[in-house]
Structure formats: C-alpha cells, structure tokens
C-alpha cells in the first residue's frame, strides 16, 4: 500500500483506515457501512499479502461530513 501522505490527515476529522477481513465477502459490507455513515473514498484495491491471513483494503474518510443521502 502507498504511504499515508500529509494531505490524507492534514486536518482534524480526516482518517485513513486499513481494514483487514477474512475475505472480500466480509470486507465489502464493512466498507459499505462506513460509506453510509461518512464521506469516504469507497473501497480501494483489495490486497492479499502472502503468508498473512485475510484481505486488506484502505479507505480514506472525512468523519466531519456525513454520507450523502439520496433524497
């Protein structure tokens, strides 16, 4: 994964989440729940690290902004 740059966490309320789950079927709903709550980048590329259990994805979120709700 790319390094977390200063721009990703330059202000209070900006977060970078590296989420690890058993498989993609578990990871997807977790990211979807985050998207329902906050403004996020959505699920990024899913990665598997040889010798390490599970899959990982990075999500950038702004917890100051709630997700846009269809209206």
C-alpha atoms as a PDB file:
ATOM      1  CA  UNK A   1       0.000   0.000   0.000  1.00  0.00           C
ATOM      2  CA  UNK A   2       1.093   3.535  -0.645  1.00  0.00           C
ATOM      3  CA  UNK A   3       2.382   5.617   2.227  1.00  0.00           C
ATOM      4  CA  UNK A   4      -0.096   7.796   4.034  1.00  0.00           C
ATOM      5  CA  UNK A   5       0.741  11.343   2.991  1.00  0.00           C
ATOM      6  CA  UNK A   6       0.299  14.509   4.990  1.00  0.00           C
ATOM      7  CA  UNK A   7      -2.634  15.519   2.767  1.00  0.00           C
ATOM      8  CA  UNK A   8      -4.586  12.460   3.920  1.00  0.00           C
ATOM      9  CA  UNK A   9      -4.577  13.554   7.557  1.00  0.00           C
ATOM     10  CA  UNK A  10      -3.891  17.279   7.240  1.00  0.00           C
ATOM     11  CA  UNK A  11      -6.937  18.317   9.290  1.00  0.00           C
ATOM     12  CA  UNK A  12      -8.855  17.011  12.300  1.00  0.00           C
ATOM     13  CA  UNK A  13     -11.584  14.648  11.129  1.00  0.00           C
ATOM     14  CA  UNK A  14      -9.658  13.122   8.214  1.00  0.00           C
ATOM     15  CA  UNK A  15      -8.758   9.467   8.740  1.00  0.00           C
ATOM     16  CA  UNK A  16      -7.122   6.611   6.879  1.00  0.00           C
ATOM     17  CA  UNK A  17      -8.432   3.152   7.693  1.00  0.00           C
ATOM     18  CA  UNK A  18      -6.647  -0.057   6.734  1.00  0.00           C
ATOM     19  CA  UNK A  19      -9.305  -2.741   7.108  1.00  0.00           C
ATOM     20  CA  UNK A  20      -8.403  -6.412   7.238  1.00  0.00           C
ATOM     21  CA  UNK A  21     -11.043  -9.127   6.964  1.00  0.00           C
ATOM     22  CA  UNK A  22     -11.147 -12.860   6.387  1.00  0.00           C
ATOM     23  CA  UNK A  23     -12.286 -12.438   2.769  1.00  0.00           C
ATOM     24  CA  UNK A  24     -13.743  -9.989   0.247  1.00  0.00           C
ATOM     25  CA  UNK A  25     -17.297 -11.063   1.092  1.00  0.00           C
ATOM     26  CA  UNK A  26     -16.714  -9.792   4.634  1.00  0.00           C
ATOM     27  CA  UNK A  27     -14.744  -6.697   3.673  1.00  0.00           C
ATOM     28  CA  UNK A  28     -17.352  -5.332   1.245  1.00  0.00           C
ATOM     29  CA  UNK A  29     -20.198  -4.882   3.759  1.00  0.00           C
ATOM     30  CA  UNK A  30     -17.848  -3.241   6.278  1.00  0.00           C
ATOM     31  CA  UNK A  31     -16.794  -0.617   3.740  1.00  0.00           C
ATOM     32  CA  UNK A  32     -20.435  -0.167   2.681  1.00  0.00           C
ATOM     33  CA  UNK A  33     -21.412   0.574   6.295  1.00  0.00           C
ATOM     34  CA  UNK A  34     -18.666   3.194   6.556  1.00  0.00           C
ATOM     35  CA  UNK A  35     -19.922   4.777   3.319  1.00  0.00           C
ATOM     36  CA  UNK A  36     -23.419   5.045   4.792  1.00  0.00           C
ATOM     37  CA  UNK A  37     -22.094   6.983   7.762  1.00  0.00           C
ATOM     38  CA  UNK A  38     -19.284   9.216   6.425  1.00  0.00           C
ATOM     39  CA  UNK A  39     -17.912  10.683   3.234  1.00  0.00           C
ATOM     40  CA  UNK A  40     -15.359   8.063   2.113  1.00  0.00           C
ATOM     41  CA  UNK A  41     -13.194   7.170  -0.838  1.00  0.00           C
ATOM     42  CA  UNK A  42     -15.018   3.843  -1.159  1.00  0.00           C
ATOM     43  CA  UNK A  43     -13.298   0.515  -1.217  1.00  0.00           C
ATOM     44  CA  UNK A  44      -9.873   0.644  -2.775  1.00  0.00           C
ATOM     45  CA  UNK A  45      -7.992  -2.205  -4.331  1.00  0.00           C
ATOM     46  CA  UNK A  46      -8.205  -5.343  -2.194  1.00  0.00           C
ATOM     47  CA  UNK A  47      -4.790  -6.744  -1.326  1.00  0.00           C
ATOM     48  CA  UNK A  48      -3.603 -10.147  -0.207  1.00  0.00           C
ATOM     49  CA  UNK A  49      -0.224 -10.372   1.479  1.00  0.00           C
ATOM     50  CA  UNK A  50       1.494 -13.745   1.060  1.00  0.00           C
ATOM     51  CA  UNK A  51       1.852 -15.504   4.397  1.00  0.00           C
ATOM     52  CA  UNK A  52      -0.696 -13.245   6.094  1.00  0.00           C
ATOM     53  CA  UNK A  53      -4.311 -14.238   6.675  1.00  0.00           C
ATOM     54  CA  UNK A  54      -7.177 -12.329   5.096  1.00  0.00           C
ATOM     55  CA  UNK A  55      -7.519  -9.404   2.716  1.00  0.00           C
ATOM     56  CA  UNK A  56      -6.872  -5.705   3.308  1.00  0.00           C
ATOM     57  CA  UNK A  57      -8.251  -2.510   1.798  1.00  0.00           C
ATOM     58  CA  UNK A  58      -7.563   1.144   2.566  1.00  0.00           C
ATOM     59  CA  UNK A  59     -10.369   3.665   2.953  1.00  0.00           C
ATOM     60  CA  UNK A  60      -9.973   7.429   3.314  1.00  0.00           C
ATOM     61  CA  UNK A  61     -12.771   9.108   5.260  1.00  0.00           C
ATOM     62  CA  UNK A  62     -13.869  12.526   6.391  1.00  0.00           C
ATOM     63  CA  UNK A  63     -15.765  11.912   9.623  1.00  0.00           C
ATOM     64  CA  UNK A  64     -16.861  15.559   9.762  1.00  0.00           C
ATOM     65  CA  UNK A  65     -19.142  15.009   6.773  1.00  0.00           C
ATOM     66  CA  UNK A  66     -21.981  12.551   6.791  1.00  0.00           C
ATOM     67  CA  UNK A  67     -22.608  10.493   3.698  1.00  0.00           C
ATOM     68  CA  UNK A  68     -24.817  11.991   1.028  1.00  0.00           C
ATOM     69  CA  UNK A  69     -28.269  10.503   1.322  1.00  0.00           C
ATOM     70  CA  UNK A  70     -30.363  10.018  -1.797  1.00  0.00           C
ATOM     71  CA  UNK A  71     -33.354  12.236  -1.491  1.00  0.00           C
END
